[in-house]
Amino acid sequence: MILTSIYNAPVSYYALLLKHREAIVLEQYDHYTKQTYRNRCRILGANGPLDLVIPVVKNHGKKVHMKDVKIDYDTDWQKNHWRSIVSAYASAPFFEFIEDAYAGFYLRKEAFLLDLNVGLMEVALDQLQIRTDITISDAYRHTYNDYDARESIHPKRCFRLQDHSFQPATYQQVFSEKHGFVPELSIMDLLFNEGPNARMILEQSLHWQKETRP
């Protein structure tokens, strides 16, 4: 399976990784496009869903490969993102056990967006205990022999309408009494709220997993 690199990707992204974990390729030669999850994630705060967006260095209309996208540190986005994450999840049951795994990424300054995304992805995979070998693409291919999910997970598309094996399982969220259950948030939402049960929630979201159980 081949996927794009995403910032603190939504739950469906990790459901796909769990389903296809035997062979994962991350695309680095796709053209960076705005209004995608490549540089944004969605969390649930007191006032509802909130998008956290990483500013990137502008290239004045030129197409840039994902591997070459640089993070813009002219504003203190790291402080703002981490403050929003803490505000949203400080009272979540497993936040104090996981926060240190994430906090360092909001202190050090990665030059490239791809490196930051991959580092955060490795944290989530470790917390979910998903063991898989991930390789980075060595060239762009218009077609891919295996499952091509490069553009499947997008803020403006409903993934479960594209892949009917995925139906997000509900779980307790910090502000669920106020907003109800909000699906397809960043994997951080699932991890901070469910901790060691997070992988089970992913499995419950995959119909194929339910059907193959004895």
N, C-alpha and C. Protein backbone atom coordinates (compact mmCIF):
# COMPACT_ATOMS: atom_id res chain seq x y z
N MET A 1 0.84 -1.19 0.00
CA MET A 1 0.00 0.00 0.00
C MET A 1 0.88 1.24 0.00
N ILE A 2 0.45 2.25 -0.70
CA ILE A 2 1.18 3.52 -0.72
C ILE A 2 0.28 4.63 -0.19
N LEU A 3 0.86 5.47 0.67
CA LEU A 3 0.13 6.55 1.34
C LEU A 3 0.90 7.84 1.23
N THR A 4 0.19 8.95 1.41
CA THR A 4 0.86 10.23 1.55
C THR A 4 1.35 10.38 2.99
N SER A 5 2.26 11.33 3.18
CA SER A 5 2.73 11.68 4.51
C SER A 5 1.78 12.72 5.09
N ILE A 6 1.28 12.45 6.32
CA ILE A 6 0.25 13.30 6.92
C ILE A 6 0.65 13.70 8.34
N TYR A 7 0.30 14.91 8.71
CA TYR A 7 0.60 15.45 10.05
C TYR A 7 -0.41 14.93 11.06
N ASN A 8 0.07 14.12 12.02
CA ASN A 8 -0.82 13.55 13.05
C ASN A 8 -2.12 13.07 12.43
N ALA A 9 -1.98 12.11 11.55
CA ALA A 9 -3.06 11.68 10.66
C ALA A 9 -4.33 11.24 11.40
N PRO A 10 -5.47 11.26 10.69
CA PRO A 10 -6.72 10.84 11.30
C PRO A 10 -6.78 9.33 11.52
N VAL A 11 -7.80 8.91 12.24
CA VAL A 11 -7.94 7.51 12.63
C VAL A 11 -7.97 6.58 11.42
N SER A 12 -8.64 6.97 10.34
CA SER A 12 -8.75 6.10 9.17
C SER A 12 -7.38 5.76 8.59
N TYR A 13 -6.44 6.68 8.67
CA TYR A 13 -5.09 6.46 8.16
C TYR A 13 -4.44 5.28 8.88
N TYR A 14 -4.62 5.25 10.20
CA TYR A 14 -4.00 4.17 10.98
C TYR A 14 -4.79 2.88 10.89
N ALA A 15 -6.07 2.97 10.59
CA ALA A 15 -6.83 1.76 10.30
C ALA A 15 -6.29 1.10 9.02
N LEU A 16 -5.98 1.92 8.02
CA LEU A 16 -5.37 1.40 6.79
C LEU A 16 -4.01 0.78 7.06
N LEU A 17 -3.21 1.45 7.90
CA LEU A 17 -1.90 0.91 8.23
C LEU A 17 -2.01 -0.44 8.94
N LEU A 18 -3.00 -0.57 9.80
CA LEU A 18 -3.21 -1.83 10.50
C LEU A 18 -3.66 -2.91 9.52
N LYS A 19 -4.50 -2.53 8.58
CA LYS A 19 -5.04 -3.50 7.62
C LYS A 19 -3.99 -3.97 6.61
N HIS A 20 -3.09 -3.06 6.20
CA HIS A 20 -2.11 -3.37 5.14
C HIS A 20 -0.68 -3.33 5.66
N ARG A 21 -0.46 -3.66 6.91
CA ARG A 21 0.82 -3.39 7.53
C ARG A 21 1.99 -4.22 6.99
N GLU A 22 1.72 -5.19 6.12
CA GLU A 22 2.81 -6.02 5.62
C GLU A 22 3.73 -5.27 4.66
N ALA A 23 3.23 -4.21 4.01
CA ALA A 23 4.07 -3.50 3.04
C ALA A 23 3.54 -2.08 2.88
N ILE A 24 4.23 -1.13 3.48
CA ILE A 24 3.79 0.26 3.46
C ILE A 24 4.87 1.12 2.78
N VAL A 25 4.42 1.93 1.82
CA VAL A 25 5.31 2.89 1.17
C VAL A 25 4.74 4.28 1.41
N LEU A 26 5.60 5.21 1.82
CA LEU A 26 5.20 6.61 1.96
C LEU A 26 5.69 7.38 0.73
N GLU A 27 4.77 8.06 0.09
CA GLU A 27 5.11 8.83 -1.11
C GLU A 27 5.81 10.13 -0.71
N GLN A 28 6.98 10.38 -1.31
CA GLN A 28 7.67 11.65 -1.06
C GLN A 28 7.84 12.47 -2.33
N TYR A 29 7.45 11.92 -3.47
CA TYR A 29 7.60 12.62 -4.73
C TYR A 29 6.28 13.17 -5.27
N ASP A 30 5.22 13.10 -4.46
CA ASP A 30 3.98 13.75 -4.87
C ASP A 30 4.14 15.25 -4.73
N HIS A 31 3.37 16.01 -5.49
CA HIS A 31 3.41 17.46 -5.37
C HIS A 31 2.63 17.89 -4.14
N TYR A 32 3.24 18.76 -3.36
CA TYR A 32 2.56 19.29 -2.18
C TYR A 32 1.38 20.15 -2.62
N THR A 33 0.23 19.90 -2.02
CA THR A 33 -0.96 20.69 -2.32
C THR A 33 -1.55 21.23 -1.02
N LYS A 34 -2.19 22.39 -1.12
CA LYS A 34 -2.80 23.01 0.04
C LYS A 34 -4.12 22.34 0.37
N GLN A 35 -4.64 22.66 1.56
CA GLN A 35 -5.95 22.19 2.00
C GLN A 35 -6.03 20.67 2.09
N THR A 36 -4.91 20.03 2.45
CA THR A 36 -4.90 18.59 2.68
C THR A 36 -4.40 18.34 4.10
N TYR A 37 -4.35 17.05 4.47
CA TYR A 37 -3.84 16.69 5.79
C TYR A 37 -2.31 16.67 5.84
N ARG A 38 -1.65 16.96 4.74
CA ARG A 38 -0.19 16.91 4.75
C ARG A 38 0.40 17.81 5.83
N ASN A 39 -0.21 18.94 6.05
CA ASN A 39 0.31 19.88 7.05
C ASN A 39 -0.75 20.29 8.07
N ARG A 40 -1.80 19.48 8.24
CA ARG A 40 -2.83 19.84 9.21
C ARG A 40 -3.40 18.59 9.87
N CYS A 41 -3.86 18.78 11.09
CA CYS A 41 -4.58 17.72 11.78
C CYS A 41 -5.79 18.33 12.47
N ARG A 42 -6.72 17.49 12.84
CA ARG A 42 -7.97 17.96 13.46
C ARG A 42 -8.12 17.33 14.84
N ILE A 43 -8.28 18.17 15.84
CA ILE A 43 -8.49 17.70 17.21
C ILE A 43 -9.86 18.20 17.68
N LEU A 44 -10.27 17.75 18.87
CA LEU A 44 -11.55 18.18 19.42
C LEU A 44 -11.31 18.98 20.69
N GLY A 45 -11.62 20.28 20.62
CA GLY A 45 -11.47 21.17 21.75
C GLY A 45 -12.80 21.47 22.40
N ALA A 46 -12.78 22.36 23.37
CA ALA A 46 -14.00 22.71 24.11
C ALA A 46 -15.06 23.32 23.20
N ASN A 47 -14.62 24.00 22.14
CA ASN A 47 -15.56 24.66 21.23
C ASN A 47 -15.85 23.85 19.97
N GLY A 48 -15.38 22.61 19.95
CA GLY A 48 -15.64 21.74 18.81
C GLY A 48 -14.37 21.40 18.05
N PRO A 49 -14.50 20.78 16.87
CA PRO A 49 -13.32 20.40 16.08
C PRO A 49 -12.45 21.61 15.74
N LEU A 50 -11.15 21.40 15.81
CA LEU A 50 -10.18 22.48 15.59
C LEU A 50 -9.07 21.96 14.69
N ASP A 51 -8.81 22.68 13.60
CA ASP A 51 -7.70 22.32 12.71
C ASP A 51 -6.43 23.02 13.16
N LEU A 52 -5.36 22.24 13.29
CA LEU A 52 -4.03 22.77 13.58
C LEU A 52 -3.23 22.69 12.28
N VAL A 53 -2.77 23.83 11.80
CA VAL A 53 -2.11 23.91 10.49
C VAL A 53 -0.66 24.34 10.64
N ILE A 54 0.24 23.58 10.07
CA ILE A 54 1.67 23.92 10.07
C ILE A 54 1.94 24.86 8.90
N PRO A 55 2.49 26.04 9.14
CA PRO A 55 2.85 26.92 8.02
C PRO A 55 4.09 26.38 7.30
N VAL A 56 4.07 26.48 5.99
CA VAL A 56 5.22 26.01 5.21
C VAL A 56 5.77 27.16 4.39
N VAL A 57 7.03 27.04 4.02
CA VAL A 57 7.69 28.08 3.23
C VAL A 57 7.05 28.14 1.84
N LYS A 58 6.63 29.32 1.45
CA LYS A 58 5.96 29.49 0.16
C LYS A 58 6.96 29.42 -0.98
N ASN A 59 6.50 28.85 -2.09
CA ASN A 59 7.37 28.71 -3.26
C ASN A 59 6.85 29.47 -4.46
N HIS A 60 5.98 30.45 -4.22
CA HIS A 60 5.50 31.38 -5.24
C HIS A 60 4.95 30.68 -6.48
N GLY A 61 4.04 29.73 -6.22
CA GLY A 61 3.34 29.06 -7.32
C GLY A 61 4.08 27.90 -7.94
N LYS A 62 5.32 27.66 -7.56
CA LYS A 62 6.07 26.54 -8.13
C LYS A 62 5.63 25.23 -7.47
N LYS A 63 5.57 24.17 -8.27
CA LYS A 63 5.25 22.86 -7.72
C LYS A 63 6.46 22.30 -6.99
N VAL A 64 6.20 21.78 -5.79
CA VAL A 64 7.29 21.27 -4.94
C VAL A 64 6.96 19.86 -4.51
N HIS A 65 7.94 18.97 -4.59
CA HIS A 65 7.74 17.62 -4.08
C HIS A 65 7.59 17.66 -2.56
N MET A 66 6.81 16.73 -2.04
CA MET A 66 6.60 16.68 -0.60
C MET A 66 7.92 16.61 0.16
N LYS A 67 8.90 15.90 -0.36
CA LYS A 67 10.18 15.74 0.33
C LYS A 67 10.93 17.06 0.48
N ASP A 68 10.58 18.06 -0.33
CA ASP A 68 11.30 19.33 -0.32
C ASP A 68 10.55 20.45 0.40
N VAL A 69 9.39 20.14 0.97
CA VAL A 69 8.58 21.18 1.64
C VAL A 69 9.22 21.52 2.98
N LYS A 70 9.55 22.80 3.15
CA LYS A 70 10.17 23.25 4.39
C LYS A 70 9.13 23.90 5.31
N ILE A 71 9.33 23.69 6.60
CA ILE A 71 8.44 24.28 7.59
C ILE A 71 8.84 25.73 7.84
N ASP A 72 7.85 26.60 7.96
CA ASP A 72 8.06 28.02 8.21
C ASP A 72 7.97 28.28 9.72
N TYR A 73 9.04 28.80 10.30
CA TYR A 73 9.08 29.07 11.73
C TYR A 73 9.01 30.57 12.04
N ASP A 74 8.52 31.35 11.10
CA ASP A 74 8.38 32.79 11.36
C ASP A 74 7.37 33.06 12.46
N THR A 75 6.38 32.20 12.59
CA THR A 75 5.44 32.29 13.70
C THR A 75 5.69 31.12 14.65
N ASP A 76 5.31 31.27 15.90
CA ASP A 76 5.55 30.22 16.89
C ASP A 76 4.40 29.22 16.87
N TRP A 77 4.23 28.56 15.72
CA TRP A 77 3.13 27.61 15.56
C TRP A 77 3.28 26.42 16.52
N GLN A 78 4.53 26.03 16.82
CA GLN A 78 4.72 24.89 17.72
C GLN A 78 4.10 25.15 19.09
N LYS A 79 4.35 26.33 19.63
CA LYS A 79 3.78 26.70 20.92
C LYS A 79 2.27 26.72 20.85
N ASN A 80 1.73 27.28 19.78
CA ASN A 80 0.28 27.36 19.62
C ASN A 80 -0.36 25.98 19.48
N HIS A 81 0.27 25.11 18.69
CA HIS A 81 -0.27 23.76 18.52
C HIS A 81 -0.25 22.99 19.83
N TRP A 82 0.88 23.05 20.52
CA TRP A 82 0.99 22.28 21.76
C TRP A 82 0.04 22.82 22.83
N ARG A 83 -0.11 24.12 22.87
CA ARG A 83 -1.06 24.72 23.82
C ARG A 83 -2.47 24.23 23.53
N SER A 84 -2.84 24.15 22.26
CA SER A 84 -4.17 23.67 21.87
C SER A 84 -4.35 22.20 22.21
N ILE A 85 -3.31 21.40 21.99
CA ILE A 85 -3.36 19.97 22.30
C ILE A 85 -3.54 19.76 23.81
N VAL A 86 -2.76 20.48 24.60
CA VAL A 86 -2.86 20.35 26.06
C VAL A 86 -4.24 20.80 26.53
N SER A 87 -4.73 21.91 26.00
CA SER A 87 -6.04 22.42 26.39
C SER A 87 -7.14 21.40 26.07
N ALA A 88 -7.00 20.72 24.93
CA ALA A 88 -8.02 19.76 24.50
C ALA A 88 -7.95 18.45 25.28
N TYR A 89 -6.73 18.01 25.65
CA TYR A 89 -6.58 16.64 26.14
C TYR A 89 -5.97 16.49 27.53
N ALA A 90 -5.71 17.58 28.21
CA ALA A 90 -5.09 17.45 29.54
C ALA A 90 -5.92 16.59 30.48
N SER A 91 -7.24 16.60 30.30
CA SER A 91 -8.10 15.80 31.17
C SER A 91 -8.42 14.42 30.59
N ALA A 92 -7.87 14.10 29.43
CA ALA A 92 -8.09 12.77 28.84
C ALA A 92 -7.39 11.71 29.69
N PRO A 93 -7.97 10.52 29.80
CA PRO A 93 -7.45 9.50 30.72
C PRO A 93 -5.99 9.12 30.54
N PHE A 94 -5.48 9.16 29.30
CA PHE A 94 -4.12 8.66 29.05
C PHE A 94 -3.16 9.75 28.59
N PHE A 95 -3.57 11.01 28.69
CA PHE A 95 -2.71 12.10 28.22
C PHE A 95 -1.38 12.12 28.96
N GLU A 96 -1.41 12.02 30.27
CA GLU A 96 -0.17 12.14 31.04
C GLU A 96 0.81 11.01 30.77
N PHE A 97 0.30 9.88 30.28
CA PHE A 97 1.17 8.74 30.00
C PHE A 97 1.80 8.82 28.61
N ILE A 98 1.21 9.63 27.72
CA ILE A 98 1.66 9.67 26.33
C ILE A 98 2.25 11.03 25.94
N GLU A 99 1.96 12.07 26.70
CA GLU A 99 2.33 13.42 26.27
C GLU A 99 3.82 13.58 26.01
N ASP A 100 4.67 12.93 26.80
CA ASP A 100 6.11 13.08 26.61
C ASP A 100 6.57 12.56 25.25
N ALA A 101 5.87 11.57 24.72
CA ALA A 101 6.24 11.02 23.41
C ALA A 101 6.01 12.03 22.30
N TYR A 102 5.08 12.96 22.53
CA TYR A 102 4.76 13.97 21.52
C TYR A 102 5.42 15.32 21.79
N ALA A 103 5.63 15.65 23.06
CA ALA A 103 6.05 17.01 23.43
C ALA A 103 7.33 17.45 22.73
N GLY A 104 8.28 16.54 22.57
CA GLY A 104 9.56 16.90 21.98
C GLY A 104 9.45 17.44 20.56
N PHE A 105 8.44 16.99 19.83
CA PHE A 105 8.27 17.45 18.46
C PHE A 105 7.83 18.91 18.40
N TYR A 106 7.38 19.44 19.52
CA TYR A 106 6.94 20.84 19.57
C TYR A 106 7.97 21.73 20.24
N LEU A 107 9.18 21.17 20.40
CA LEU A 107 10.31 21.92 20.93
C LEU A 107 11.44 22.02 19.91
N ARG A 108 11.78 20.89 19.30
CA ARG A 108 12.84 20.92 18.30
C ARG A 108 12.26 21.33 16.95
N LYS A 109 13.12 21.84 16.11
CA LYS A 109 12.68 22.39 14.83
C LYS A 109 13.16 21.52 13.67
N GLU A 110 12.28 20.67 13.19
CA GLU A 110 12.57 19.90 11.99
C GLU A 110 12.54 20.84 10.79
N ALA A 111 13.49 20.69 9.89
CA ALA A 111 13.52 21.57 8.72
C ALA A 111 12.42 21.22 7.72
N PHE A 112 12.17 19.93 7.52
CA PHE A 112 11.26 19.48 6.47
C PHE A 112 9.99 18.87 7.06
N LEU A 113 8.87 19.16 6.41
CA LEU A 113 7.59 18.65 6.85
C LEU A 113 7.55 17.13 6.84
N LEU A 114 8.14 16.52 5.83
CA LEU A 114 8.13 15.06 5.74
C LEU A 114 8.78 14.43 6.96
N ASP A 115 9.91 14.97 7.41
CA ASP A 115 10.62 14.41 8.57
C ASP A 115 9.77 14.51 9.83
N LEU A 116 9.09 15.64 10.00
CA LEU A 116 8.22 15.80 11.16
C LEU A 116 7.07 14.80 11.11
N ASN A 117 6.44 14.68 9.96
CA ASN A 117 5.31 13.76 9.82
C ASN A 117 5.71 12.31 10.09
N VAL A 118 6.87 11.92 9.57
CA VAL A 118 7.32 10.54 9.76
C VAL A 118 7.63 10.29 11.24
N GLY A 119 8.26 11.25 11.90
CA GLY A 119 8.57 11.09 13.31
C GLY A 119 7.32 10.93 14.16
N LEU A 120 6.31 11.74 13.89
CA LEU A 120 5.05 11.64 14.63
C LEU A 120 4.32 10.34 14.30
N MET A 121 4.44 9.89 13.07
CA MET A 121 3.84 8.63 12.66
C MET A 121 4.46 7.46 13.43
N GLU A 122 5.77 7.50 13.60
CA GLU A 122 6.45 6.44 14.35
C GLU A 122 6.00 6.39 15.80
N VAL A 123 5.73 7.56 16.40
CA VAL A 123 5.21 7.61 17.76
C VAL A 123 3.86 6.90 17.84
N ALA A 124 2.96 7.24 16.91
CA ALA A 124 1.63 6.64 16.92
C ALA A 124 1.68 5.14 16.69
N LEU A 125 2.51 4.70 15.75
CA LEU A 125 2.63 3.26 15.48
C LEU A 125 3.15 2.53 16.71
N ASP A 126 4.08 3.14 17.42
CA ASP A 126 4.61 2.52 18.63
C ASP A 126 3.53 2.41 19.70
N GLN A 127 2.75 3.47 19.88
CA GLN A 127 1.68 3.44 20.88
C GLN A 127 0.61 2.42 20.51
N LEU A 128 0.36 2.24 19.23
CA LEU A 128 -0.65 1.30 18.76
C LEU A 128 -0.11 -0.13 18.64
N GLN A 129 1.20 -0.27 18.84
CA GLN A 129 1.86 -1.56 18.70
C GLN A 129 1.61 -2.18 17.32
N ILE A 130 1.70 -1.33 16.32
CA ILE A 130 1.64 -1.80 14.93
C ILE A 130 3.06 -1.92 14.42
N ARG A 131 3.48 -3.13 14.19
CA ARG A 131 4.84 -3.39 13.73
C ARG A 131 4.84 -3.55 12.21
N THR A 132 5.49 -2.66 11.54
CA THR A 132 5.54 -2.73 10.08
C THR A 132 6.79 -2.04 9.57
N ASP A 133 7.26 -2.52 8.44
CA ASP A 133 8.39 -1.87 7.78
C ASP A 133 7.85 -0.83 6.81
N ILE A 134 8.26 0.41 7.02
CA ILE A 134 7.81 1.51 6.16
C ILE A 134 8.98 1.99 5.32
N THR A 135 8.78 2.05 4.03
CA THR A 135 9.81 2.56 3.14
C THR A 135 9.32 3.86 2.51
N ILE A 136 10.26 4.66 2.05
CA ILE A 136 9.97 5.93 1.39
C ILE A 136 10.12 5.73 -0.11
N SER A 137 9.20 6.26 -0.89
CA SER A 137 9.25 6.07 -2.34
C SER A 137 10.54 6.61 -2.93
N ASP A 138 11.03 5.96 -3.98
CA ASP A 138 12.26 6.41 -4.63
C ASP A 138 12.00 7.13 -5.95
N ALA A 139 10.73 7.17 -6.35
CA ALA A 139 10.33 7.88 -7.57
C ALA A 139 8.81 7.93 -7.58
N TYR A 140 8.26 8.85 -8.38
CA TYR A 140 6.81 8.93 -8.47
C TYR A 140 6.30 7.99 -9.56
N ARG A 141 5.30 7.19 -9.20
CA ARG A 141 4.65 6.30 -10.16
C ARG A 141 3.17 6.68 -10.24
N HIS A 142 2.69 6.88 -11.45
CA HIS A 142 1.28 7.27 -11.63
C HIS A 142 0.34 6.15 -11.23
N THR A 143 0.77 4.92 -11.44
CA THR A 143 -0.03 3.76 -11.02
C THR A 143 0.80 2.92 -10.07
N TYR A 144 0.10 2.22 -9.21
CA TYR A 144 0.77 1.42 -8.19
C TYR A 144 0.10 0.05 -8.15
N ASN A 145 0.91 -1.00 -8.12
CA ASN A 145 0.37 -2.35 -8.24
C ASN A 145 -0.49 -2.73 -7.03
N ASP A 146 -0.11 -2.24 -5.87
CA ASP A 146 -0.86 -2.56 -4.66
C ASP A 146 -1.88 -1.48 -4.37
N TYR A 147 -2.48 -1.46 -3.21
CA TYR A 147 -3.51 -0.51 -2.82
C TYR A 147 -2.95 0.91 -2.83
N ASP A 148 -3.52 1.77 -3.66
CA ASP A 148 -3.05 3.16 -3.79
C ASP A 148 -4.00 4.06 -3.00
N ALA A 149 -3.52 4.53 -1.84
CA ALA A 149 -4.36 5.37 -0.97
C ALA A 149 -3.77 6.77 -0.85
N ARG A 150 -3.02 7.20 -1.85
CA ARG A 150 -2.32 8.49 -1.75
C ARG A 150 -3.27 9.68 -1.61
N GLU A 151 -4.42 9.62 -2.24
CA GLU A 151 -5.35 10.74 -2.16
C GLU A 151 -6.67 10.34 -1.49
N SER A 152 -6.69 9.21 -0.84
CA SER A 152 -7.94 8.71 -0.25
C SER A 152 -8.36 9.46 0.99
N ILE A 153 -7.39 9.85 1.81
CA ILE A 153 -7.72 10.47 3.10
C ILE A 153 -7.51 11.98 2.96
N HIS A 154 -8.61 12.70 2.98
CA HIS A 154 -8.59 14.13 2.64
C HIS A 154 -9.63 14.84 3.50
N PRO A 155 -9.35 16.06 3.96
CA PRO A 155 -10.32 16.77 4.82
C PRO A 155 -11.69 16.98 4.19
N LYS A 156 -11.74 17.00 2.86
CA LYS A 156 -13.00 17.30 2.18
C LYS A 156 -13.68 16.05 1.61
N ARG A 157 -13.17 14.86 1.96
CA ARG A 157 -13.77 13.63 1.48
C ARG A 157 -14.07 12.71 2.65
N CYS A 158 -15.15 11.97 2.55
CA CYS A 158 -15.52 11.01 3.59
C CYS A 158 -14.89 9.66 3.23
N PHE A 159 -13.89 9.26 3.99
CA PHE A 159 -13.15 8.05 3.63
C PHE A 159 -14.02 6.81 3.67
N ARG A 160 -14.95 6.74 4.63
CA ARG A 160 -15.75 5.51 4.74
C ARG A 160 -16.67 5.31 3.53
N LEU A 161 -16.90 6.36 2.73
CA LEU A 161 -17.66 6.20 1.50
C LEU A 161 -16.80 5.65 0.37
N GLN A 162 -15.48 5.77 0.52
CA GLN A 162 -14.56 5.24 -0.47
C GLN A 162 -14.13 3.81 -0.16
N ASP A 163 -14.01 3.50 1.13
CA ASP A 163 -13.60 2.16 1.57
C ASP A 163 -14.63 1.68 2.59
N HIS A 164 -15.54 0.83 2.13
CA HIS A 164 -16.65 0.42 2.98
C HIS A 164 -16.22 -0.57 4.07
N SER A 165 -14.98 -1.01 4.04
CA SER A 165 -14.50 -1.86 5.13
C SER A 165 -14.21 -1.05 6.39
N PHE A 166 -14.18 0.29 6.25
CA PHE A 166 -13.92 1.16 7.39
C PHE A 166 -15.19 1.89 7.80
N GLN A 167 -15.60 1.65 9.04
CA GLN A 167 -16.70 2.38 9.65
C GLN A 167 -16.25 2.76 11.05
N PRO A 168 -16.01 4.03 11.32
CA PRO A 168 -15.37 4.42 12.60
C PRO A 168 -16.17 3.99 13.82
N ALA A 169 -15.50 3.23 14.67
CA ALA A 169 -16.10 2.81 15.94
C ALA A 169 -16.10 4.00 16.91
N THR A 170 -17.13 4.11 17.71
CA THR A 170 -17.20 5.21 18.68
C THR A 170 -16.35 4.88 19.90
N TYR A 171 -15.88 5.91 20.55
CA TYR A 171 -15.14 5.79 21.80
C TYR A 171 -15.37 7.06 22.61
N GLN A 172 -15.02 7.02 23.88
CA GLN A 172 -15.25 8.18 24.74
C GLN A 172 -14.28 9.31 24.39
N GLN A 173 -14.81 10.51 24.19
CA GLN A 173 -13.99 11.69 23.93
C GLN A 173 -14.20 12.71 25.04
N VAL A 174 -13.21 13.54 25.27
CA VAL A 174 -13.25 14.49 26.38
C VAL A 174 -14.51 15.35 26.35
N PHE A 175 -14.85 15.86 25.19
CA PHE A 175 -15.98 16.79 25.09
C PHE A 175 -17.20 16.15 24.41
N SER A 176 -17.32 14.83 24.52
CA SER A 176 -18.43 14.15 23.84
C SER A 176 -19.80 14.53 24.41
N GLU A 177 -19.88 14.86 25.70
CA GLU A 177 -21.16 15.26 26.27
C GLU A 177 -21.65 16.57 25.64
N LYS A 178 -20.71 17.40 25.22
CA LYS A 178 -21.05 18.70 24.64
C LYS A 178 -21.27 18.62 23.13
N HIS A 179 -20.44 17.82 22.45
CA HIS A 179 -20.45 17.81 20.99
C HIS A 179 -20.88 16.48 20.39
N GLY A 180 -21.13 15.47 21.22
CA GLY A 180 -21.39 14.14 20.69
C GLY A 180 -20.09 13.53 20.18
N PHE A 181 -20.17 12.33 19.64
CA PHE A 181 -18.96 11.69 19.11
C PHE A 181 -18.59 12.32 17.77
N VAL A 182 -17.33 12.71 17.65
CA VAL A 182 -16.82 13.30 16.40
C VAL A 182 -15.82 12.32 15.80
N PRO A 183 -16.14 11.72 14.64
CA PRO A 183 -15.22 10.75 14.03
C PRO A 183 -14.11 11.42 13.26
N GLU A 184 -13.13 10.62 12.89
CA GLU A 184 -12.06 11.02 11.98
C GLU A 184 -11.23 12.20 12.48
N LEU A 185 -10.98 12.21 13.78
CA LEU A 185 -10.04 13.17 14.34
C LEU A 185 -8.64 12.59 14.26
N SER A 186 -7.65 13.41 14.63
CA SER A 186 -6.26 12.94 14.66
C SER A 186 -6.13 11.70 15.54
N ILE A 187 -5.19 10.86 15.20
CA ILE A 187 -4.92 9.67 16.00
C ILE A 187 -4.61 10.04 17.45
N MET A 188 -4.13 11.25 17.70
CA MET A 188 -3.87 11.68 19.08
C MET A 188 -5.14 11.64 19.91
N ASP A 189 -6.26 11.99 19.30
CA ASP A 189 -7.53 11.96 20.03
C ASP A 189 -7.83 10.56 20.53
N LEU A 190 -7.67 9.58 19.68
CA LEU A 190 -7.91 8.19 20.06
C LEU A 190 -6.91 7.72 21.11
N LEU A 191 -5.64 8.04 20.93
CA LEU A 191 -4.61 7.59 21.87
C LEU A 191 -4.78 8.23 23.25
N PHE A 192 -5.00 9.54 23.29
CA PHE A 192 -5.12 10.21 24.59
C PHE A 192 -6.38 9.76 25.34
N ASN A 193 -7.43 9.42 24.60
CA ASN A 193 -8.67 9.02 25.25
C ASN A 193 -8.74 7.53 25.59
N GLU A 194 -8.10 6.70 24.76
CA GLU A 194 -8.25 5.26 24.95
C GLU A 194 -6.96 4.52 25.30
N GLY A 195 -5.81 5.15 25.12
CA GLY A 195 -4.55 4.52 25.53
C GLY A 195 -4.38 3.12 24.94
N PRO A 196 -4.15 2.10 25.78
CA PRO A 196 -3.90 0.75 25.27
C PRO A 196 -5.10 0.12 24.56
N ASN A 197 -6.28 0.70 24.69
CA ASN A 197 -7.45 0.19 23.97
C ASN A 197 -7.57 0.74 22.55
N ALA A 198 -6.67 1.66 22.18
CA ALA A 198 -6.78 2.34 20.89
C ALA A 198 -6.71 1.36 19.72
N ARG A 199 -5.83 0.40 19.80
CA ARG A 199 -5.72 -0.56 18.69
C ARG A 199 -7.02 -1.36 18.54
N MET A 200 -7.62 -1.72 19.65
CA MET A 200 -8.88 -2.46 19.59
C MET A 200 -9.96 -1.64 18.90
N ILE A 201 -9.97 -0.32 19.17
CA ILE A 201 -10.93 0.56 18.50
C ILE A 201 -10.70 0.56 17.00
N LEU A 202 -9.44 0.58 16.58
CA LEU A 202 -9.13 0.50 15.15
C LEU A 202 -9.65 -0.81 14.56
N GLU A 203 -9.43 -1.90 15.27
CA GLU A 203 -9.89 -3.20 14.78
C GLU A 203 -11.41 -3.23 14.66
N GLN A 204 -12.10 -2.61 15.61
CA GLN A 204 -13.56 -2.57 15.57
C GLN A 204 -14.06 -1.70 14.42
N SER A 205 -13.20 -0.83 13.91
CA SER A 205 -13.58 0.04 12.79
C SER A 205 -13.41 -0.64 11.45
N LEU A 206 -12.80 -1.81 11.45
CA LEU A 206 -12.52 -2.52 10.20
C LEU A 206 -13.42 -3.73 10.09
N HIS A 207 -14.32 -3.75 9.11
CA HIS A 207 -15.24 -4.86 8.94
C HIS A 207 -14.51 -6.16 8.64
N TRP A 208 -13.44 -6.06 7.87
CA TRP A 208 -12.70 -7.28 7.54
C TRP A 208 -12.17 -7.95 8.79
N GLN A 209 -11.77 -7.13 9.78
CA GLN A 209 -11.22 -7.68 11.01
C GLN A 209 -12.30 -8.44 11.78
N LYS A 210 -13.51 -7.87 11.83
CA LYS A 210 -14.59 -8.53 12.54
C LYS A 210 -14.96 -9.84 11.86
N GLU A 211 -15.00 -9.82 10.53
CA GLU A 211 -15.46 -10.98 9.80
C GLU A 211 -14.49 -12.15 9.85
N THR A 212 -13.19 -11.87 10.04
CA THR A 212 -12.21 -12.95 10.04
C THR A 212 -11.92 -13.50 11.41
N ARG A 213 -12.53 -12.93 12.45
CA ARG A 213 -12.33 -13.47 13.78
C ARG A 213 -13.05 -14.80 13.91
N PRO A 214 -12.44 -15.76 14.61
CA PRO A 214 -13.09 -17.07 14.78
C PRO A 214 -14.35 -16.95 15.63
